[in-house]
């Protein structure tokens, strides 16, 4: 039995799904299954059983999971302590970000961070909001654009961050193009007007999709979904192909020409707040604390922070590195 096997088992016990645990650990599913098999051989009895698409821990597995989770937390604390002793001259920062912040905000933040800490290695992981939340146990920082769910790991700090607007996009010549000016800049259309046409949505788990579906539900307008496609560029290409009306972050349109026109939703724009998630915020690495401080400071300088405060899930105090008392 090795520490790696126990850390892998901790991830499986947390997700109750081998595939999601493999994603969180940045391992292949066969590699995770192989480690679990070796661990079960060591104990001589089943630690989990298949349960639909996931797994269910046996009584022996539940007991082992308690030890495995404590070992994983101790390992993380030891890594943070190592970085502190090194004076933060070296180390690794693991950042996961959902699609929009990963593409349009994170590169600038990493560039600024590495100017200050050139010897810290930065590893990045991109996915949709659900995938980032599911990978928090292997990250130092998570940046998401979707709603913050109630099932975050214990002790996760949640920091309101960047404000963003979701806009509808249509191709030039679409009937709704009368709502946009010749340069493709935003005017507005109601949800009812937009809902009269086929809709192109992002994939399940996308933060944009969650917000759009909620807006239509609150407006009492039915959606006719012509296509669900992965990624922002996929939505844009489907709209260019005439599949219907798409929805994207306004910041993803900053380099577009007039072939795609953007529309704010009326009677009020569909705005949202990105969030920064800090797993185990009570004992973050110095790299994570410094990166969080940089993110909040840059947004404060541009006047785009949500409210400057931080909250934490599953713990009474919201204070943490980079948070406002």
C-alpha atoms as a PDB file:
ATOM      1  CA  UNK A   1       0.000   0.000   0.000  1.00  0.00           C
ATOM      2  CA  UNK A   2       1.416   3.374  -1.045  1.00  0.00           C
ATOM      3  CA  UNK A   3       0.560   6.975  -0.292  1.00  0.00           C
ATOM      4  CA  UNK A   4      -0.318   7.525  -3.966  1.00  0.00           C
ATOM      5  CA  UNK A   5      -2.850   4.700  -3.808  1.00  0.00           C
ATOM      6  CA  UNK A   6      -4.482   6.215  -0.730  1.00  0.00           C
ATOM      7  CA  UNK A   7      -4.590   9.702  -2.278  1.00  0.00           C
ATOM      8  CA  UNK A   8      -6.207   8.184  -5.371  1.00  0.00           C
ATOM      9  CA  UNK A   9      -8.731   6.375  -3.182  1.00  0.00           C
ATOM     10  CA  UNK A  10      -9.509   9.670  -1.404  1.00  0.00           C
ATOM     11  CA  UNK A  11     -10.437  11.242  -4.740  1.00  0.00           C
ATOM     12  CA  UNK A  12     -12.617   8.260  -5.697  1.00  0.00           C
ATOM     13  CA  UNK A  13     -14.352   8.347  -2.314  1.00  0.00           C
ATOM     14  CA  UNK A  14     -15.000  12.076  -2.708  1.00  0.00           C
ATOM     15  CA  UNK A  15     -16.422  11.871  -6.251  1.00  0.00           C
ATOM     16  CA  UNK A  16     -17.973   8.366  -6.048  1.00  0.00           C
ATOM     17  CA  UNK A  17     -17.094   8.119  -9.723  1.00  0.00           C
ATOM     18  CA  UNK A  18     -13.837   6.714 -11.127  1.00  0.00           C
ATOM     19  CA  UNK A  19     -13.920   8.791 -14.317  1.00  0.00           C
ATOM     20  CA  UNK A  20     -14.416  12.099 -12.452  1.00  0.00           C
ATOM     21  CA  UNK A  21     -11.729  11.146  -9.932  1.00  0.00           C
ATOM     22  CA  UNK A  22      -9.330  10.447 -12.816  1.00  0.00           C
ATOM     23  CA  UNK A  23     -10.075  13.887 -14.275  1.00  0.00           C
ATOM     24  CA  UNK A  24      -9.466  15.550 -10.906  1.00  0.00           C
ATOM     25  CA  UNK A  25      -6.155  13.723 -10.478  1.00  0.00           C
ATOM     26  CA  UNK A  26      -5.066  14.334 -14.109  1.00  0.00           C
ATOM     27  CA  UNK A  27      -4.693  10.570 -14.565  1.00  0.00           C
ATOM     28  CA  UNK A  28      -6.185   8.152 -17.052  1.00  0.00           C
ATOM     29  CA  UNK A  29      -9.150   6.079 -15.928  1.00  0.00           C
ATOM     30  CA  UNK A  30      -7.178   2.791 -16.376  1.00  0.00           C
ATOM     31  CA  UNK A  31      -4.413   4.187 -14.134  1.00  0.00           C
ATOM     32  CA  UNK A  32      -6.895   4.982 -11.372  1.00  0.00           C
ATOM     33  CA  UNK A  33      -8.610   1.586 -11.743  1.00  0.00           C
ATOM     34  CA  UNK A  34      -5.217  -0.110 -11.539  1.00  0.00           C
ATOM     35  CA  UNK A  35      -4.332   1.645  -8.287  1.00  0.00           C
ATOM     36  CA  UNK A  36      -7.713   0.744  -6.810  1.00  0.00           C
ATOM     37  CA  UNK A  37      -7.212  -2.898  -7.785  1.00  0.00           C
ATOM     38  CA  UNK A  38      -3.831  -3.006  -6.042  1.00  0.00           C
ATOM     39  CA  UNK A  39      -5.325  -1.392  -2.950  1.00  0.00           C
ATOM     40  CA  UNK A  40      -8.180  -3.892  -2.797  1.00  0.00           C
ATOM     41  CA  UNK A  41      -5.697  -6.760  -3.180  1.00  0.00           C
ATOM     42  CA  UNK A  42      -3.767  -5.325  -0.236  1.00  0.00           C
ATOM     43  CA  UNK A  43      -6.867  -5.354   1.980  1.00  0.00           C
ATOM     44  CA  UNK A  44      -8.214  -8.620   0.658  1.00  0.00           C
ATOM     45  CA  UNK A  45     -11.831  -7.483   0.353  1.00  0.00           C
ATOM     46  CA  UNK A  46     -13.951  -5.090  -1.740  1.00  0.00           C
ATOM     47  CA  UNK A  47     -13.650  -1.424  -0.878  1.00  0.00           C
ATOM     48  CA  UNK A  48     -16.366  -0.305  -3.310  1.00  0.00           C
ATOM     49  CA  UNK A  49     -19.041  -1.687  -5.619  1.00  0.00           C
ATOM     50  CA  UNK A  50     -20.404  -0.445  -8.934  1.00  0.00           C
ATOM     51  CA  UNK A  51     -23.594   1.588  -8.566  1.00  0.00           C
ATOM     52  CA  UNK A  52     -25.062   2.697 -11.900  1.00  0.00           C
ATOM     53  CA  UNK A  53     -22.518   5.018 -13.521  1.00  0.00           C
ATOM     54  CA  UNK A  54     -20.709   5.568 -10.239  1.00  0.00           C
ATOM     55  CA  UNK A  55     -19.519   3.552  -7.268  1.00  0.00           C
ATOM     56  CA  UNK A  56     -20.705   2.945  -3.696  1.00  0.00           C
ATOM     57  CA  UNK A  57     -18.230   2.445  -0.857  1.00  0.00           C
ATOM     58  CA  UNK A  58     -18.476  -0.707   1.211  1.00  0.00           C
ATOM     59  CA  UNK A  59     -18.280  -0.363   5.029  1.00  0.00           C
ATOM     60  CA  UNK A  60     -14.555  -1.182   4.796  1.00  0.00           C
ATOM     61  CA  UNK A  61     -14.165   1.410   2.043  1.00  0.00           C
ATOM     62  CA  UNK A  62     -15.876   4.111   4.106  1.00  0.00           C
ATOM     63  CA  UNK A  63     -13.508   3.475   7.008  1.00  0.00           C
ATOM     64  CA  UNK A  64     -10.465   3.548   4.739  1.00  0.00           C
ATOM     65  CA  UNK A  65     -11.709   6.753   3.106  1.00  0.00           C
ATOM     66  CA  UNK A  66     -11.463   8.574   6.440  1.00  0.00           C
ATOM     67  CA  UNK A  67      -7.773   7.689   6.690  1.00  0.00           C
ATOM     68  CA  UNK A  68      -7.161   8.447   3.010  1.00  0.00           C
ATOM     69  CA  UNK A  69      -8.746  11.904   3.178  1.00  0.00           C
ATOM     70  CA  UNK A  70      -6.689  12.785   6.250  1.00  0.00           C
ATOM     71  CA  UNK A  71      -3.524  11.619   4.488  1.00  0.00           C
ATOM     72  CA  UNK A  72      -4.324  13.730   1.423  1.00  0.00           C
ATOM     73  CA  UNK A  73      -4.895  16.830   3.576  1.00  0.00           C
ATOM     74  CA  UNK A  74      -1.645  16.224   5.465  1.00  0.00           C
ATOM     75  CA  UNK A  75       0.210  15.834   2.157  1.00  0.00           C
ATOM     76  CA  UNK A  76      -1.121  19.173   0.922  1.00  0.00           C
ATOM     77  CA  UNK A  77      -0.159  20.894   4.165  1.00  0.00           C
ATOM     78  CA  UNK A  78       3.353  19.447   3.900  1.00  0.00           C
ATOM     79  CA  UNK A  79       3.679  20.817   0.353  1.00  0.00           C
ATOM     80  CA  UNK A  80       2.532  24.250   1.537  1.00  0.00           C
ATOM     81  CA  UNK A  81       5.032  24.119   4.406  1.00  0.00           C
ATOM     82  CA  UNK A  82       7.800  23.141   1.982  1.00  0.00           C
ATOM     83  CA  UNK A  83       6.998  26.150  -0.218  1.00  0.00           C
ATOM     84  CA  UNK A  84       7.056  28.416   2.842  1.00  0.00           C
ATOM     85  CA  UNK A  85      10.492  27.134   3.905  1.00  0.00           C
ATOM     86  CA  UNK A  86      11.808  27.734   0.403  1.00  0.00           C
ATOM     87  CA  UNK A  87      10.829  31.365   0.795  1.00  0.00           C
ATOM     88  CA  UNK A  88       8.451  31.022  -2.132  1.00  0.00           C
ATOM     89  CA  UNK A  89      11.346  31.056  -4.562  1.00  0.00           C
ATOM     90  CA  UNK A  90      10.179  27.833  -6.156  1.00  0.00           C
ATOM     91  CA  UNK A  91       7.047  25.745  -6.211  1.00  0.00           C
ATOM     92  CA  UNK A  92       4.058  24.936  -8.378  1.00  0.00           C
ATOM     93  CA  UNK A  93       0.705  26.685  -8.738  1.00  0.00           C
ATOM     94  CA  UNK A  94      -2.163  24.597 -10.149  1.00  0.00           C
ATOM     95  CA  UNK A  95      -4.940  26.757 -11.622  1.00  0.00           C
ATOM     96  CA  UNK A  96      -8.153  25.450 -13.158  1.00  0.00           C
ATOM     97  CA  UNK A  97     -10.451  27.801 -15.052  1.00  0.00           C
ATOM     98  CA  UNK A  98     -13.705  27.442 -16.934  1.00  0.00           C
ATOM     99  CA  UNK A  99     -13.801  28.342 -20.613  1.00  0.00           C
ATOM    100  CA  UNK A 100     -14.246  32.125 -20.635  1.00  0.00           C
ATOM    101  CA  UNK A 101     -11.813  33.125 -17.854  1.00  0.00           C
ATOM    102  CA  UNK A 102      -9.330  30.500 -19.104  1.00  0.00           C
ATOM    103  CA  UNK A 103      -9.227  32.060 -22.568  1.00  0.00           C
ATOM    104  CA  UNK A 104      -9.718  35.772 -21.933  1.00  0.00           C
ATOM    105  CA  UNK A 105      -8.495  36.556 -18.391  1.00  0.00           C
ATOM    106  CA  UNK A 106      -6.112  33.862 -17.170  1.00  0.00           C
ATOM    107  CA  UNK A 107      -3.252  34.441 -19.674  1.00  0.00           C
ATOM    108  CA  UNK A 108      -2.847  38.059 -18.509  1.00  0.00           C
ATOM    109  CA  UNK A 109      -2.991  37.067 -14.843  1.00  0.00           C
ATOM    110  CA  UNK A 110      -0.374  34.350 -15.274  1.00  0.00           C
ATOM    111  CA  UNK A 111       1.904  36.760 -17.152  1.00  0.00           C
ATOM    112  CA  UNK A 112       1.652  39.280 -14.299  1.00  0.00           C
ATOM    113  CA  UNK A 113       2.174  36.558 -11.682  1.00  0.00           C
ATOM    114  CA  UNK A 114       5.288  35.169 -13.355  1.00  0.00           C
ATOM    115  CA  UNK A 115       6.799  38.636 -13.607  1.00  0.00           C
ATOM    116  CA  UNK A 116       6.689  38.728  -9.800  1.00  0.00           C
ATOM    117  CA  UNK A 117       7.513  35.043  -9.183  1.00  0.00           C
ATOM    118  CA  UNK A 118       9.481  33.792 -12.210  1.00  0.00           C
ATOM    119  CA  UNK A 119      10.613  30.563 -10.552  1.00  0.00           C
ATOM    120  CA  UNK A 120       7.123  29.342  -9.673  1.00  0.00           C
ATOM    121  CA  UNK A 121       5.820  26.854 -12.223  1.00  0.00           C
ATOM    122  CA  UNK A 122       2.167  27.388 -13.227  1.00  0.00           C
ATOM    123  CA  UNK A 123       0.090  24.419 -14.378  1.00  0.00           C
ATOM    124  CA  UNK A 124      -3.323  25.128 -15.905  1.00  0.00           C
ATOM    125  CA  UNK A 125      -6.413  23.023 -16.457  1.00  0.00           C
ATOM    126  CA  UNK A 126      -9.397  24.147 -18.535  1.00  0.00           C
ATOM    127  CA  UNK A 127     -12.927  22.759 -18.619  1.00  0.00           C
ATOM    128  CA  UNK A 128     -16.485  23.867 -18.090  1.00  0.00           C
ATOM    129  CA  UNK A 129     -17.716  25.020 -14.693  1.00  0.00           C
ATOM    130  CA  UNK A 130     -18.795  21.547 -13.556  1.00  0.00           C
ATOM    131  CA  UNK A 131     -15.444  20.056 -14.520  1.00  0.00           C
ATOM    132  CA  UNK A 132     -13.485  22.696 -12.610  1.00  0.00           C
ATOM    133  CA  UNK A 133     -15.586  22.215  -9.462  1.00  0.00           C
ATOM    134  CA  UNK A 134     -15.111  18.461  -9.815  1.00  0.00           C
ATOM    135  CA  UNK A 135     -11.326  18.915  -9.991  1.00  0.00           C
ATOM    136  CA  UNK A 136     -10.884  21.167  -6.959  1.00  0.00           C
ATOM    137  CA  UNK A 137      -9.178  18.474  -4.918  1.00  0.00           C
ATOM    138  CA  UNK A 138      -6.197  18.635  -7.314  1.00  0.00           C
ATOM    139  CA  UNK A 139      -6.086  22.431  -7.734  1.00  0.00           C
ATOM    140  CA  UNK A 140      -4.740  25.394  -5.764  1.00  0.00           C
ATOM    141  CA  UNK A 141      -7.120  27.880  -7.427  1.00  0.00           C
ATOM    142  CA  UNK A 142     -10.354  27.397  -9.370  1.00  0.00           C
ATOM    143  CA  UNK A 143     -11.927  30.121 -11.522  1.00  0.00           C
ATOM    144  CA  UNK A 144     -15.522  29.568 -12.615  1.00  0.00           C
ATOM    145  CA  UNK A 145     -18.196  31.499 -14.462  1.00  0.00           C
ATOM    146  CA  UNK A 146     -21.223  29.411 -13.501  1.00  0.00           C
ATOM    147  CA  UNK A 147     -23.275  29.422 -10.305  1.00  0.00           C
ATOM    148  CA  UNK A 148     -21.410  28.271  -7.193  1.00  0.00           C
ATOM    149  CA  UNK A 149     -23.109  25.059  -6.095  1.00  0.00           C
ATOM    150  CA  UNK A 150     -23.713  23.861  -2.569  1.00  0.00           C
ATOM    151  CA  UNK A 151     -21.586  20.712  -2.953  1.00  0.00           C
ATOM    152  CA  UNK A 152     -18.138  22.281  -2.814  1.00  0.00           C
ATOM    153  CA  UNK A 153     -15.479  20.421  -0.818  1.00  0.00           C
ATOM    154  CA  UNK A 154     -15.341  21.293   2.859  1.00  0.00           C
ATOM    155  CA  UNK A 155     -13.394  24.473   3.617  1.00  0.00           C
ATOM    156  CA  UNK A 156     -13.440  25.879   0.073  1.00  0.00           C
ATOM    157  CA  UNK A 157     -13.142  29.679   0.004  1.00  0.00           C
ATOM    158  CA  UNK A 158     -15.414  31.460  -2.488  1.00  0.00           C
ATOM    159  CA  UNK A 159     -14.419  34.938  -3.671  1.00  0.00           C
ATOM    160  CA  UNK A 160     -16.738  37.086  -5.799  1.00  0.00           C
ATOM    161  CA  UNK A 161     -14.619  38.367  -8.644  1.00  0.00           C
ATOM    162  CA  UNK A 162     -15.151  39.658 -12.185  1.00  0.00           C
ATOM    163  CA  UNK A 163     -18.442  40.985 -13.564  1.00  0.00           C
ATOM    164  CA  UNK A 164     -19.460  39.792 -17.027  1.00  0.00           C
ATOM    165  CA  UNK A 165     -22.417  40.072 -19.415  1.00  0.00           C
ATOM    166  CA  UNK A 166     -23.872  37.228 -21.455  1.00  0.00           C
ATOM    167  CA  UNK A 167     -25.070  38.460 -24.852  1.00  0.00           C
ATOM    168  CA  UNK A 168     -27.089  36.889 -27.636  1.00  0.00           C
ATOM    169  CA  UNK A 169     -25.299  36.684 -30.984  1.00  0.00           C
ATOM    170  CA  UNK A 170     -26.767  36.462 -34.480  1.00  0.00           C
ATOM    171  CA  UNK A 171     -25.202  36.482 -37.926  1.00  0.00           C
ATOM    172  CA  UNK A 172     -25.531  39.448 -40.220  1.00  0.00           C
ATOM    173  CA  UNK A 173     -28.826  39.199 -42.071  1.00  0.00           C
ATOM    174  CA  UNK A 174     -30.703  37.435 -39.262  1.00  0.00           C
ATOM    175  CA  UNK A 175     -34.130  39.008 -38.524  1.00  0.00           C
ATOM    176  CA  UNK A 176     -32.875  40.065 -35.079  1.00  0.00           C
ATOM    177  CA  UNK A 177     -29.974  41.955 -36.700  1.00  0.00           C
ATOM    178  CA  UNK A 178     -32.245  44.995 -36.897  1.00  0.00           C
ATOM    179  CA  UNK A 179     -31.587  45.341 -33.157  1.00  0.00           C
ATOM    180  CA  UNK A 180     -27.842  45.861 -33.703  1.00  0.00           C
ATOM    181  CA  UNK A 181     -25.984  48.686 -35.357  1.00  0.00           C
ATOM    182  CA  UNK A 182     -23.714  48.355 -38.357  1.00  0.00           C
ATOM    183  CA  UNK A 183     -20.584  47.777 -36.259  1.00  0.00           C
ATOM    184  CA  UNK A 184     -22.079  44.803 -34.438  1.00  0.00           C
ATOM    185  CA  UNK A 185     -22.303  46.671 -31.145  1.00  0.00           C
ATOM    186  CA  UNK A 186     -24.915  45.743 -28.597  1.00  0.00           C
ATOM    187  CA  UNK A 187     -28.432  47.009 -28.718  1.00  0.00           C
ATOM    188  CA  UNK A 188     -31.129  44.909 -27.108  1.00  0.00           C
ATOM    189  CA  UNK A 189     -33.810  42.317 -27.715  1.00  0.00           C
ATOM    190  CA  UNK A 190     -36.206  40.749 -25.250  1.00  0.00           C
ATOM    191  CA  UNK A 191     -35.989  37.108 -24.256  1.00  0.00           C
ATOM    192  CA  UNK A 192     -39.367  36.580 -25.909  1.00  0.00           C
ATOM    193  CA  UNK A 193     -38.011  38.006 -29.186  1.00  0.00           C
ATOM    194  CA  UNK A 194     -34.921  35.828 -29.023  1.00  0.00           C
ATOM    195  CA  UNK A 195     -36.941  32.758 -28.033  1.00  0.00           C
ATOM    196  CA  UNK A 196     -38.921  32.954 -31.264  1.00  0.00           C
ATOM    197  CA  UNK A 197     -35.865  31.569 -33.098  1.00  0.00           C
ATOM    198  CA  UNK A 198     -33.819  28.350 -32.816  1.00  0.00           C
ATOM    199  CA  UNK A 199     -31.194  28.488 -30.064  1.00  0.00           C
ATOM    200  CA  UNK A 200     -27.566  27.325 -30.068  1.00  0.00           C
ATOM    201  CA  UNK A 201     -26.377  26.450 -26.545  1.00  0.00           C
ATOM    202  CA  UNK A 202     -23.110  25.421 -24.943  1.00  0.00           C
ATOM    203  CA  UNK A 203     -22.706  21.881 -23.620  1.00  0.00           C
ATOM    204  CA  UNK A 204     -24.135  20.596 -20.325  1.00  0.00           C
ATOM    205  CA  UNK A 205     -22.137  21.907 -17.371  1.00  0.00           C
ATOM    206  CA  UNK A 206     -21.349  25.242 -19.042  1.00  0.00           C
ATOM    207  CA  UNK A 207     -21.838  28.312 -16.860  1.00  0.00           C
ATOM    208  CA  UNK A 208     -23.247  30.311 -19.790  1.00  0.00           C
ATOM    209  CA  UNK A 209     -25.789  27.592 -20.482  1.00  0.00           C
ATOM    210  CA  UNK A 210     -26.911  27.455 -16.846  1.00  0.00           C
ATOM    211  CA  UNK A 211     -27.447  31.218 -16.735  1.00  0.00           C
ATOM    212  CA  UNK A 212     -29.307  31.324 -20.065  1.00  0.00           C
ATOM    213  CA  UNK A 213     -31.597  28.436 -19.128  1.00  0.00           C
ATOM    214  CA  UNK A 214     -32.414  30.134 -15.831  1.00  0.00           C
ATOM    215  CA  UNK A 215     -33.172  33.453 -17.566  1.00  0.00           C
ATOM    216  CA  UNK A 216     -35.563  31.798 -20.015  1.00  0.00           C
ATOM    217  CA  UNK A 217     -37.264  29.862 -17.226  1.00  0.00           C
ATOM    218  CA  UNK A 218     -37.764  33.010 -15.135  1.00  0.00           C
ATOM    219  CA  UNK A 219     -39.184  34.820 -18.184  1.00  0.00           C
ATOM    220  CA  UNK A 220     -41.547  31.928 -18.888  1.00  0.00           C
ATOM    221  CA  UNK A 221     -40.215  31.586 -22.446  1.00  0.00           C
ATOM    222  CA  UNK A 222     -39.692  28.157 -24.000  1.00  0.00           C
ATOM    223  CA  UNK A 223     -36.433  27.422 -25.813  1.00  0.00           C
ATOM    224  CA  UNK A 224     -36.191  25.517 -29.057  1.00  0.00           C
ATOM    225  CA  UNK A 225     -32.616  24.216 -28.916  1.00  0.00           C
ATOM    226  CA  UNK A 226     -31.345  23.564 -32.430  1.00  0.00           C
ATOM    227  CA  UNK A 227     -27.851  22.530 -31.342  1.00  0.00           C
ATOM    228  CA  UNK A 228     -25.754  22.044 -28.206  1.00  0.00           C
ATOM    229  CA  UNK A 229     -22.044  22.372 -28.919  1.00  0.00           C
ATOM    230  CA  UNK A 230     -18.870  22.388 -26.839  1.00  0.00           C
ATOM    231  CA  UNK A 231     -16.930  25.615 -26.503  1.00  0.00           C
ATOM    232  CA  UNK A 232     -17.375  29.271 -27.367  1.00  0.00           C
ATOM    233  CA  UNK A 233     -15.942  28.955 -30.867  1.00  0.00           C
ATOM    234  CA  UNK A 234     -18.326  26.096 -31.588  1.00  0.00           C
ATOM    235  CA  UNK A 235     -21.269  28.356 -30.727  1.00  0.00           C
ATOM    236  CA  UNK A 236     -19.926  31.134 -32.948  1.00  0.00           C
ATOM    237  CA  UNK A 237     -19.412  28.813 -35.908  1.00  0.00           C
ATOM    238  CA  UNK A 238     -22.916  27.365 -35.542  1.00  0.00           C
ATOM    239  CA  UNK A 239     -24.371  30.891 -35.543  1.00  0.00           C
ATOM    240  CA  UNK A 240     -22.316  31.806 -38.621  1.00  0.00           C
ATOM    241  CA  UNK A 241     -23.707  28.673 -40.289  1.00  0.00           C
ATOM    242  CA  UNK A 242     -27.252  29.911 -39.697  1.00  0.00           C
ATOM    243  CA  UNK A 243     -28.208  27.404 -36.965  1.00  0.00           C
ATOM    244  CA  UNK A 244     -29.841  30.061 -34.816  1.00  0.00           C
ATOM    245  CA  UNK A 245     -29.183  32.506 -31.967  1.00  0.00           C
ATOM    246  CA  UNK A 246     -26.216  31.780 -29.706  1.00  0.00           C
ATOM    247  CA  UNK A 247     -25.176  33.000 -26.270  1.00  0.00           C
ATOM    248  CA  UNK A 248     -21.615  33.880 -25.238  1.00  0.00           C
ATOM    249  CA  UNK A 249     -19.723  36.104 -22.841  1.00  0.00           C
ATOM    250  CA  UNK A 250     -19.498  39.670 -24.135  1.00  0.00           C
ATOM    251  CA  UNK A 251     -15.723  39.636 -23.656  1.00  0.00           C
ATOM    252  CA  UNK A 252     -15.394  36.776 -26.186  1.00  0.00           C
ATOM    253  CA  UNK A 253     -16.723  39.116 -28.885  1.00  0.00           C
ATOM    254  CA  UNK A 254     -14.097  41.823 -28.578  1.00  0.00           C
ATOM    255  CA  UNK A 255     -12.167  40.701 -31.671  1.00  0.00           C
ATOM    256  CA  UNK A 256     -15.174  39.854 -33.853  1.00  0.00           C
ATOM    257  CA  UNK A 257     -16.071  41.758 -37.012  1.00  0.00           C
ATOM    258  CA  UNK A 258     -19.583  42.667 -38.151  1.00  0.00           C
ATOM    259  CA  UNK A 259     -20.292  39.138 -39.436  1.00  0.00           C
ATOM    260  CA  UNK A 260     -21.582  38.373 -35.932  1.00  0.00           C
ATOM    261  CA  UNK A 261     -23.787  40.880 -34.134  1.00  0.00           C
ATOM    262  CA  UNK A 262     -24.334  40.993 -30.386  1.00  0.00           C
ATOM    263  CA  UNK A 263     -27.527  41.822 -28.514  1.00  0.00           C
ATOM    264  CA  UNK A 264     -28.036  42.629 -24.849  1.00  0.00           C
ATOM    265  CA  UNK A 265     -31.083  40.994 -23.336  1.00  0.00           C
ATOM    266  CA  UNK A 266     -33.959  43.232 -22.286  1.00  0.00           C
ATOM    267  CA  UNK A 267     -35.472  44.530 -20.081  1.00  0.00           C
ATOM    268  CA  UNK A 268     -32.171  44.131 -18.215  1.00  0.00           C
ATOM    269  CA  UNK A 269     -28.807  42.725 -19.342  1.00  0.00           C
ATOM    270  CA  UNK A 270     -27.952  39.176 -18.308  1.00  0.00           C
ATOM    271  CA  UNK A 271     -24.994  39.815 -16.018  1.00  0.00           C
ATOM    272  CA  UNK A 272     -23.131  37.395 -13.814  1.00  0.00           C
ATOM    273  CA  UNK A 273     -20.155  37.279 -11.503  1.00  0.00           C
ATOM    274  CA  UNK A 274     -17.163  35.024 -11.914  1.00  0.00           C
ATOM    275  CA  UNK A 275     -15.897  33.380  -8.734  1.00  0.00           C
ATOM    276  CA  UNK A 276     -12.468  32.325  -7.523  1.00  0.00           C
ATOM    277  CA  UNK A 277     -12.456  29.117  -5.486  1.00  0.00           C
ATOM    278  CA  UNK A 278      -9.647  28.307  -3.060  1.00  0.00           C
ATOM    279  CA  UNK A 279      -9.673  24.686  -1.843  1.00  0.00           C
ATOM    280  CA  UNK A 280      -8.578  24.318   1.781  1.00  0.00           C
ATOM    281  CA  UNK A 281      -8.434  28.076   2.174  1.00  0.00           C
ATOM    282  CA  UNK A 282      -7.501  27.699   5.825  1.00  0.00           C
ATOM    283  CA  UNK A 283      -4.058  26.450   4.759  1.00  0.00           C
ATOM    284  CA  UNK A 284      -3.365  27.560   1.177  1.00  0.00           C
ATOM    285  CA  UNK A 285       0.068  27.490  -0.396  1.00  0.00           C
ATOM    286  CA  UNK A 286       1.870  30.822  -0.583  1.00  0.00           C
ATOM    287  CA  UNK A 287       1.616  30.618  -4.360  1.00  0.00           C
ATOM    288  CA  UNK A 288      -2.184  30.283  -4.169  1.00  0.00           C
ATOM    289  CA  UNK A 289      -2.493  33.134  -1.660  1.00  0.00           C
ATOM    290  CA  UNK A 290      -0.313  35.412  -3.785  1.00  0.00           C
ATOM    291  CA  UNK A 291      -2.176  34.573  -6.999  1.00  0.00           C
ATOM    292  CA  UNK A 292      -5.524  35.250  -5.319  1.00  0.00           C
ATOM    293  CA  UNK A 293      -4.241  38.583  -4.042  1.00  0.00           C
ATOM    294  CA  UNK A 294      -3.108  39.484  -7.560  1.00  0.00           C
ATOM    295  CA  UNK A 295      -6.502  38.591  -9.091  1.00  0.00           C
ATOM    296  CA  UNK A 296      -8.480  40.624  -6.579  1.00  0.00           C
ATOM    297  CA  UNK A 297      -6.091  43.582  -6.795  1.00  0.00           C
ATOM    298  CA  UNK A 298      -6.246  43.744 -10.600  1.00  0.00           C
ATOM    299  CA  UNK A 299     -10.033  43.639 -10.615  1.00  0.00           C
ATOM    300  CA  UNK A 300     -10.166  46.314  -7.916  1.00  0.00           C
ATOM    301  CA  UNK A 301      -7.961  48.555 -10.062  1.00  0.00           C
ATOM    302  CA  UNK A 302     -10.376  48.291 -12.980  1.00  0.00           C
ATOM    303  CA  UNK A 303     -13.443  48.707 -10.786  1.00  0.00           C
ATOM    304  CA  UNK A 304     -14.817  45.316 -11.778  1.00  0.00           C
ATOM    305  CA  UNK A 305     -14.758  43.408  -8.503  1.00  0.00           C
ATOM    306  CA  UNK A 306     -18.160  42.284  -7.348  1.00  0.00           C
ATOM    307  CA  UNK A 307     -17.984  43.597  -3.794  1.00  0.00           C
ATOM    308  CA  UNK A 308     -14.461  43.048  -2.506  1.00  0.00           C
ATOM    309  CA  UNK A 309     -15.577  40.448   0.015  1.00  0.00           C
ATOM    310  CA  UNK A 310     -14.896  36.760   0.288  1.00  0.00           C
ATOM    311  CA  UNK A 311     -16.993  33.963   1.675  1.00  0.00           C
ATOM    312  CA  UNK A 312     -16.142  30.382   2.478  1.00  0.00           C
ATOM    313  CA  UNK A 313     -18.289  27.287   2.210  1.00  0.00           C
ATOM    314  CA  UNK A 314     -18.778  25.034   5.222  1.00  0.00           C
ATOM    315  CA  UNK A 315     -16.913  27.146   7.748  1.00  0.00           C
ATOM    316  CA  UNK A 316     -17.991  30.065   9.918  1.00  0.00           C
ATOM    317  CA  UNK A 317     -15.207  32.506   9.096  1.00  0.00           C
ATOM    318  CA  UNK A 318     -14.823  34.025   5.651  1.00  0.00           C
ATOM    319  CA  UNK A 319     -11.342  35.359   6.220  1.00  0.00           C
ATOM    320  CA  UNK A 320      -8.470  34.025   4.217  1.00  0.00           C
ATOM    321  CA  UNK A 321      -5.472  35.164   2.211  1.00  0.00           C
ATOM    322  CA  UNK A 322      -6.526  38.010  -0.025  1.00  0.00           C
ATOM    323  CA  UNK A 323      -9.986  38.350   1.524  1.00  0.00           C
ATOM    324  CA  UNK A 324     -11.445  41.454   3.116  1.00  0.00           C
ATOM    325  CA  UNK A 325     -12.084  41.198   6.888  1.00  0.00           C
END
